Amino acid sequence: MGLTVQACAPVSTDTVSGPARVIDGDTLDVDGTRIRLHAIDAPENDQTCRTEQGVQWGCGAWVTDAVRARLQGDEIRCNLMERDRYGRHVARCNLDGDDIGAWLVGEGLAFAYVRYGDDYAALERDAARLDRGLHAQRLQSPAQHRATRAKGRIPPDAACPIKGNISGSGTRIFHMPQQAHYERTGINTDKGERWFCSAEAARAAGWRAARR
């Protein structure tokens, strides 16, 4: 099953091959080796997008499902390049001679991660021009999403998005989505801050509503 985009030349003589097990849009397990695809960045599994009509949906899970439908269990070959800070092998991988990273970016399922190489920058420009995949949506870049999540600004459970913040003076205030200070408010559970699923639950726990 071809991916329509021809593979780039190998950059390493170290390779691993075997059936692919898809972890997320840019991460695979191949023959027991955790692989992070070189120079691309796909949405995180918990990431959401917003359509032009303002409808929010789980685009991160959608990308993972699309990659799984195309690659899961298929024999792929990866040229290992280096290790990232998490210990994963960074690699350029191919299926039947076609570059998987190029396919992902060309179909709008991932973005060129030019911080680590501009291999796929031209493909991303073409995908954006044609509104393919994610380019027809509104979303944070995956890197921005990870940074925001690390600061406690994205709920661990999408059904419980209300932020129970404790001010410097010790006042317990909850912020609803779309309120003025919601986006910039982070939740630090080590300080006793927490997420709530409803305003009623927040009030019952002793938090008051933000004024704006």
C-alpha atoms as a PDB file:
ATOM      1  CA  MET A   1       0.000   0.000   0.000  1.00  0.00           C
ATOM      2  CA  GLY A   2       1.842   3.105  -1.194  1.00  0.00           C
ATOM      3  CA  LEU A   3       1.773   6.511   0.446  1.00  0.00           C
ATOM      4  CA  THR A   4       2.144   8.388  -2.861  1.00  0.00           C
ATOM      5  CA  VAL A   5       5.224  10.399  -1.785  1.00  0.00           C
ATOM      6  CA  GLN A   6       8.656   8.960  -2.478  1.00  0.00           C
ATOM      7  CA  ALA A   7      11.077   8.461   0.383  1.00  0.00           C
ATOM      8  CA  CYS A   8      14.064  10.673   0.986  1.00  0.00           C
ATOM      9  CA  ALA A   9      17.532   9.138   0.871  1.00  0.00           C
ATOM     10  CA  PRO A  10      18.583   7.346   4.078  1.00  0.00           C
ATOM     11  CA  VAL A  11      20.778   9.370   6.414  1.00  0.00           C
ATOM     12  CA  SER A  12      21.968   6.479   8.572  1.00  0.00           C
ATOM     13  CA  THR A  13      23.123   2.914   8.118  1.00  0.00           C
ATOM     14  CA  ASP A  14      21.350   1.925  11.375  1.00  0.00           C
ATOM     15  CA  THR A  15      17.891   0.612  10.577  1.00  0.00           C
ATOM     16  CA  VAL A  16      15.007  -1.165  12.253  1.00  0.00           C
ATOM     17  CA  SER A  17      12.120  -2.849  10.501  1.00  0.00           C
ATOM     18  CA  GLY A  18       8.984  -4.721  11.433  1.00  0.00           C
ATOM     19  CA  PRO A  19       5.224  -4.332  11.871  1.00  0.00           C
ATOM     20  CA  ALA A  20       4.207  -0.834  12.933  1.00  0.00           C
ATOM     21  CA  ARG A  21       2.306  -0.201  16.142  1.00  0.00           C
ATOM     22  CA  VAL A  22       0.907   3.332  16.120  1.00  0.00           C
ATOM     23  CA  ILE A  23       1.181   5.290  19.384  1.00  0.00           C
ATOM     24  CA  ASP A  24       0.050   8.656  18.033  1.00  0.00           C
ATOM     25  CA  GLY A  25       0.329  10.711  14.871  1.00  0.00           C
ATOM     26  CA  ASP A  26       4.120  10.934  14.891  1.00  0.00           C
ATOM     27  CA  THR A  27       5.197   8.107  17.216  1.00  0.00           C
ATOM     28  CA  LEU A  28       5.459   4.395  16.391  1.00  0.00           C
ATOM     29  CA  ASP A  29       6.747   1.187  17.907  1.00  0.00           C
ATOM     30  CA  VAL A  30       8.698  -0.927  15.425  1.00  0.00           C
ATOM     31  CA  ASP A  31      10.195  -4.258  16.508  1.00  0.00           C
ATOM     32  CA  GLY A  32      10.125  -3.109  20.132  1.00  0.00           C
ATOM     33  CA  THR A  33      11.790   0.230  19.330  1.00  0.00           C
ATOM     34  CA  ARG A  34       9.989   3.489  20.108  1.00  0.00           C
ATOM     35  CA  ILE A  35      10.284   5.774  17.071  1.00  0.00           C
ATOM     36  CA  ARG A  36       9.644   9.522  16.845  1.00  0.00           C
ATOM     37  CA  LEU A  37       9.288  10.492  13.185  1.00  0.00           C
ATOM     38  CA  HIS A  38      11.899  12.993  12.046  1.00  0.00           C
ATOM     39  CA  ALA A  39      11.019  16.660  11.349  1.00  0.00           C
ATOM     40  CA  ILE A  40       7.234  16.385  11.709  1.00  0.00           C
ATOM     41  CA  ASP A  41       4.843  17.277  14.522  1.00  0.00           C
ATOM     42  CA  ALA A  42       1.321  15.841  14.759  1.00  0.00           C
ATOM     43  CA  PRO A  43      -1.421  16.916  17.186  1.00  0.00           C
ATOM     44  CA  GLU A  44      -1.388  15.276  20.600  1.00  0.00           C
ATOM     45  CA  ASN A  45      -4.029  12.606  21.235  1.00  0.00           C
ATOM     46  CA  ASP A  46      -5.936  14.934  23.578  1.00  0.00           C
ATOM     47  CA  GLN A  47      -5.716  17.979  21.303  1.00  0.00           C
ATOM     48  CA  THR A  48      -8.853  19.594  19.932  1.00  0.00           C
ATOM     49  CA  CYS A  49      -9.475  21.734  16.849  1.00  0.00           C
ATOM     50  CA  ARG A  50     -12.183  24.199  15.979  1.00  0.00           C
ATOM     51  CA  THR A  51     -13.912  24.290  12.618  1.00  0.00           C
ATOM     52  CA  GLU A  52     -14.641  27.512  10.733  1.00  0.00           C
ATOM     53  CA  GLN A  53     -18.182  27.198  12.115  1.00  0.00           C
ATOM     54  CA  GLY A  54     -16.833  27.174  15.685  1.00  0.00           C
ATOM     55  CA  VAL A  55     -17.432  23.474  16.396  1.00  0.00           C
ATOM     56  CA  GLN A  56     -14.755  21.924  18.617  1.00  0.00           C
ATOM     57  CA  TRP A  57     -13.724  18.321  17.958  1.00  0.00           C
ATOM     58  CA  GLY A  58     -10.991  15.840  18.813  1.00  0.00           C
ATOM     59  CA  CYS A  59      -8.599  16.266  15.895  1.00  0.00           C
ATOM     60  CA  GLY A  60      -5.654  14.706  17.751  1.00  0.00           C
ATOM     61  CA  ALA A  61      -7.485  11.399  18.176  1.00  0.00           C
ATOM     62  CA  TRP A  62      -8.687  11.661  14.569  1.00  0.00           C
ATOM     63  CA  VAL A  63      -5.104  11.930  13.291  1.00  0.00           C
ATOM     64  CA  THR A  64      -4.014   8.955  15.397  1.00  0.00           C
ATOM     65  CA  ASP A  65      -6.925   6.902  14.057  1.00  0.00           C
ATOM     66  CA  ALA A  66      -6.056   7.867  10.459  1.00  0.00           C
ATOM     67  CA  VAL A  67      -2.401   6.882  10.916  1.00  0.00           C
ATOM     68  CA  ARG A  68      -3.418   3.642  12.617  1.00  0.00           C
ATOM     69  CA  ALA A  69      -5.785   2.781   9.762  1.00  0.00           C
ATOM     70  CA  ARG A  70      -2.968   3.269   7.235  1.00  0.00           C
ATOM     71  CA  LEU A  71       0.042   1.786   9.066  1.00  0.00           C
ATOM     72  CA  GLN A  72      -0.980  -0.496  11.928  1.00  0.00           C
ATOM     73  CA  GLY A  73       0.571  -3.936  11.472  1.00  0.00           C
ATOM     74  CA  ASP A  74       2.238  -3.087   8.168  1.00  0.00           C
ATOM     75  CA  GLU A  75       5.933  -3.836   7.667  1.00  0.00           C
ATOM     76  CA  ILE A  76       7.875  -0.579   7.732  1.00  0.00           C
ATOM     77  CA  ARG A  77      11.570   0.273   7.685  1.00  0.00           C
ATOM     78  CA  CYS A  78      13.139   3.111   9.682  1.00  0.00           C
ATOM     79  CA  ASN A  79      16.542   4.756   9.314  1.00  0.00           C
ATOM     80  CA  LEU A  80      17.628   5.726  12.820  1.00  0.00           C
ATOM     81  CA  MET A  81      19.189   9.176  13.200  1.00  0.00           C
ATOM     82  CA  GLU A  82      19.527  10.117  16.877  1.00  0.00           C
ATOM     83  CA  ARG A  83      17.760   9.951  20.232  1.00  0.00           C
ATOM     84  CA  ASP A  84      15.529  12.678  21.607  1.00  0.00           C
ATOM     85  CA  ARG A  85      15.445  13.878  25.210  1.00  0.00           C
ATOM     86  CA  TYR A  86      12.866  11.202  26.078  1.00  0.00           C
ATOM     87  CA  GLY A  87      15.126   8.420  24.862  1.00  0.00           C
ATOM     88  CA  ARG A  88      13.127   7.707  21.720  1.00  0.00           C
ATOM     89  CA  HIS A  89      14.867   7.020  18.424  1.00  0.00           C
ATOM     90  CA  VAL A  90      14.308   9.804  15.900  1.00  0.00           C
ATOM     91  CA  ALA A  91      14.003   8.212  12.483  1.00  0.00           C
ATOM     92  CA  ARG A  92      12.844   8.593   8.930  1.00  0.00           C
ATOM     93  CA  CYS A  93      10.532   5.677   8.147  1.00  0.00           C
ATOM     94  CA  ASN A  94       9.046   4.313   4.971  1.00  0.00           C
ATOM     95  CA  LEU A  95       6.366   1.902   3.846  1.00  0.00           C
ATOM     96  CA  ASP A  96       6.975   0.167   0.515  1.00  0.00           C
ATOM     97  CA  GLY A  97       9.646   2.782  -0.247  1.00  0.00           C
ATOM     98  CA  ASP A  98       7.395   5.782   0.468  1.00  0.00           C
ATOM     99  CA  ASP A  99       8.256   8.304   3.192  1.00  0.00           C
ATOM    100  CA  ILE A 100       5.723   8.167   6.027  1.00  0.00           C
ATOM    101  CA  GLY A 101       6.587  11.666   7.290  1.00  0.00           C
ATOM    102  CA  ALA A 102       6.072  13.093   3.800  1.00  0.00           C
ATOM    103  CA  TRP A 103       2.696  11.369   3.543  1.00  0.00           C
ATOM    104  CA  LEU A 104       1.564  12.738   6.908  1.00  0.00           C
ATOM    105  CA  VAL A 105       2.535  16.329   6.104  1.00  0.00           C
ATOM    106  CA  GLY A 106       1.292  16.148   2.532  1.00  0.00           C
ATOM    107  CA  GLU A 107      -2.138  14.954   3.669  1.00  0.00           C
ATOM    108  CA  GLY A 108      -2.396  17.646   6.355  1.00  0.00           C
ATOM    109  CA  LEU A 109      -2.226  15.129   9.217  1.00  0.00           C
ATOM    110  CA  ALA A 110       0.973  16.637  10.656  1.00  0.00           C
ATOM    111  CA  PHE A 111       3.088  19.754  10.346  1.00  0.00           C
ATOM    112  CA  ALA A 112       6.679  20.250   9.261  1.00  0.00           C
ATOM    113  CA  TYR A 113       8.747  20.622  12.450  1.00  0.00           C
ATOM    114  CA  VAL A 114      11.281  23.015  10.957  1.00  0.00           C
ATOM    115  CA  ARG A 115      13.033  23.424  14.302  1.00  0.00           C
ATOM    116  CA  TYR A 116      14.450  19.959  13.623  1.00  0.00           C
ATOM    117  CA  GLY A 117      14.689  20.078   9.844  1.00  0.00           C
ATOM    118  CA  ASP A 118      12.959  21.644   6.854  1.00  0.00           C
ATOM    119  CA  ASP A 119      12.578  18.331   4.992  1.00  0.00           C
ATOM    120  CA  TYR A 120       8.819  18.724   4.671  1.00  0.00           C
ATOM    121  CA  ALA A 121       8.346  22.514   4.651  1.00  0.00           C
ATOM    122  CA  ALA A 122       7.432  22.649   0.963  1.00  0.00           C
ATOM    123  CA  LEU A 123       4.911  19.828   1.389  1.00  0.00           C
ATOM    124  CA  GLU A 124       3.286  21.712   4.267  1.00  0.00           C
ATOM    125  CA  ARG A 125       2.935  24.850   2.142  1.00  0.00           C
ATOM    126  CA  ASP A 126       1.188  22.820  -0.552  1.00  0.00           C
ATOM    127  CA  ALA A 127      -1.132  21.157   1.972  1.00  0.00           C
ATOM    128  CA  ALA A 128      -1.988  24.531   3.517  1.00  0.00           C
ATOM    129  CA  ARG A 129      -2.712  26.057   0.108  1.00  0.00           C
ATOM    130  CA  LEU A 130      -5.181  23.241  -0.585  1.00  0.00           C
ATOM    131  CA  ASP A 131      -6.721  23.278   2.934  1.00  0.00           C
ATOM    132  CA  ARG A 132      -5.905  19.619   3.408  1.00  0.00           C
ATOM    133  CA  GLY A 133      -6.667  17.945   6.718  1.00  0.00           C
ATOM    134  CA  LEU A 134      -5.723  20.091   9.702  1.00  0.00           C
ATOM    135  CA  HIS A 135      -5.168  23.165   7.546  1.00  0.00           C
ATOM    136  CA  ALA A 136      -8.939  23.552   7.235  1.00  0.00           C
ATOM    137  CA  GLN A 137      -9.204  23.795  11.044  1.00  0.00           C
ATOM    138  CA  ARG A 138      -8.235  26.241  13.764  1.00  0.00           C
ATOM    139  CA  LEU A 139      -5.793  24.827  16.271  1.00  0.00           C
ATOM    140  CA  GLN A 140      -2.709  25.516  18.317  1.00  0.00           C
ATOM    141  CA  SER A 141       0.479  24.059  16.964  1.00  0.00           C
ATOM    142  CA  PRO A 142       1.230  20.768  18.746  1.00  0.00           C
ATOM    143  CA  ALA A 143       4.252  22.423  20.400  1.00  0.00           C
ATOM    144  CA  GLN A 144       2.087  25.267  21.755  1.00  0.00           C
ATOM    145  CA  HIS A 145      -0.461  22.741  22.982  1.00  0.00           C
ATOM    146  CA  ARG A 146       2.209  20.792  24.886  1.00  0.00           C
ATOM    147  CA  ALA A 147       3.532  23.987  26.475  1.00  0.00           C
ATOM    148  CA  THR A 148       0.043  25.057  27.503  1.00  0.00           C
ATOM    149  CA  ARG A 149      -0.753  21.638  28.940  1.00  0.00           C
ATOM    150  CA  ALA A 150       2.500  21.644  30.908  1.00  0.00           C
ATOM    151  CA  LYS A 151       1.437  24.919  32.540  1.00  0.00           C
ATOM    152  CA  GLY A 152      -1.846  23.394  33.741  1.00  0.00           C
ATOM    153  CA  ARG A 153      -3.993  25.271  31.258  1.00  0.00           C
ATOM    154  CA  ILE A 154      -5.588  22.290  29.536  1.00  0.00           C
ATOM    155  CA  PRO A 155      -7.960  20.056  31.542  1.00  0.00           C
ATOM    156  CA  PRO A 156      -6.848  16.444  31.971  1.00  0.00           C
ATOM    157  CA  ASP A 157     -10.519  15.518  31.411  1.00  0.00           C
ATOM    158  CA  ALA A 158     -12.346  17.454  28.685  1.00  0.00           C
ATOM    159  CA  ALA A 159     -15.617  16.998  30.616  1.00  0.00           C
ATOM    160  CA  CYS A 160     -14.203  18.956  33.586  1.00  0.00           C
ATOM    161  CA  PRO A 161     -12.807  22.226  32.147  1.00  0.00           C
ATOM    162  CA  ILE A 162     -13.571  24.634  35.014  1.00  0.00           C
ATOM    163  CA  LYS A 163     -10.424  25.999  36.666  1.00  0.00           C
ATOM    164  CA  GLY A 164     -10.362  26.271  40.455  1.00  0.00           C
ATOM    165  CA  ASN A 165      -7.580  28.784  41.075  1.00  0.00           C
ATOM    166  CA  ILE A 166      -6.212  30.089  44.390  1.00  0.00           C
ATOM    167  CA  SER A 167      -5.143  33.736  44.308  1.00  0.00           C
ATOM    168  CA  GLY A 168      -2.076  35.160  46.021  1.00  0.00           C
ATOM    169  CA  SER A 169      -4.265  36.250  48.930  1.00  0.00           C
ATOM    170  CA  GLY A 170      -5.698  32.752  49.288  1.00  0.00           C
ATOM    171  CA  THR A 171      -9.073  33.442  47.672  1.00  0.00           C
ATOM    172  CA  ARG A 172     -10.542  30.449  45.857  1.00  0.00           C
ATOM    173  CA  ILE A 173     -11.921  31.493  42.482  1.00  0.00           C
ATOM    174  CA  PHE A 174     -13.213  29.373  39.633  1.00  0.00           C
ATOM    175  CA  HIS A 175     -12.968  30.380  35.987  1.00  0.00           C
ATOM    176  CA  MET A 176     -15.351  29.159  33.303  1.00  0.00           C
ATOM    177  CA  PRO A 177     -14.282  28.656  29.673  1.00  0.00           C
ATOM    178  CA  GLN A 178     -14.679  31.871  27.641  1.00  0.00           C
ATOM    179  CA  GLN A 179     -14.208  34.111  30.720  1.00  0.00           C
ATOM    180  CA  ALA A 180     -11.618  36.878  30.449  1.00  0.00           C
ATOM    181  CA  HIS A 181      -8.813  35.226  32.436  1.00  0.00           C
ATOM    182  CA  TYR A 182      -9.546  31.578  31.649  1.00  0.00           C
ATOM    183  CA  GLU A 183      -6.875  30.976  29.019  1.00  0.00           C
ATOM    184  CA  ARG A 184      -4.012  32.466  31.021  1.00  0.00           C
ATOM    185  CA  THR A 185      -4.976  30.789  34.310  1.00  0.00           C
ATOM    186  CA  GLY A 186      -2.925  27.703  35.149  1.00  0.00           C
ATOM    187  CA  ILE A 187      -3.820  24.998  37.647  1.00  0.00           C
ATOM    188  CA  ASN A 188      -1.170  23.794  40.091  1.00  0.00           C
ATOM    189  CA  THR A 189      -2.606  20.827  41.966  1.00  0.00           C
ATOM    190  CA  ASP A 190       0.359  20.867  44.377  1.00  0.00           C
ATOM    191  CA  LYS A 191      -1.006  24.198  45.713  1.00  0.00           C
ATOM    192  CA  GLY A 192      -4.502  22.776  46.176  1.00  0.00           C
ATOM    193  CA  GLU A 193      -5.867  24.139  42.915  1.00  0.00           C
ATOM    194  CA  ARG A 194      -8.158  21.833  40.988  1.00  0.00           C
ATOM    195  CA  TRP A 195     -10.439  21.221  38.032  1.00  0.00           C
ATOM    196  CA  PHE A 196     -14.225  21.096  38.324  1.00  0.00           C
ATOM    197  CA  CYS A 197     -16.868  19.540  36.111  1.00  0.00           C
ATOM    198  CA  SER A 198     -19.602  22.040  37.033  1.00  0.00           C
ATOM    199  CA  ALA A 199     -20.042  25.433  38.641  1.00  0.00           C
ATOM    200  CA  GLU A 200     -22.242  23.788  41.270  1.00  0.00           C
ATOM    201  CA  ALA A 201     -19.418  21.440  42.275  1.00  0.00           C
ATOM    202  CA  ALA A 202     -16.966  24.348  42.480  1.00  0.00           C
ATOM    203  CA  ARG A 203     -19.278  26.385  44.732  1.00  0.00           C
ATOM    204  CA  ALA A 204     -19.952  23.366  46.939  1.00  0.00           C
ATOM    205  CA  ALA A 205     -16.182  22.949  47.405  1.00  0.00           C
ATOM    206  CA  GLY A 206     -15.777  26.566  48.517  1.00  0.00           C
ATOM    207  CA  TRP A 207     -14.760  28.339  45.324  1.00  0.00           C
ATOM    208  CA  ARG A 208     -16.519  31.489  44.111  1.00  0.00           C
ATOM    209  CA  ALA A 209     -17.088  32.456  40.496  1.00  0.00           C
ATOM    210  CA  ALA A 210     -14.680  34.864  38.800  1.00  0.00           C
ATOM    211  CA  ARG A 211     -16.296  38.245  38.218  1.00  0.00           C
ATOM    212  CA  ARG A 212     -15.350  38.321  34.544  1.00  0.00           C
END
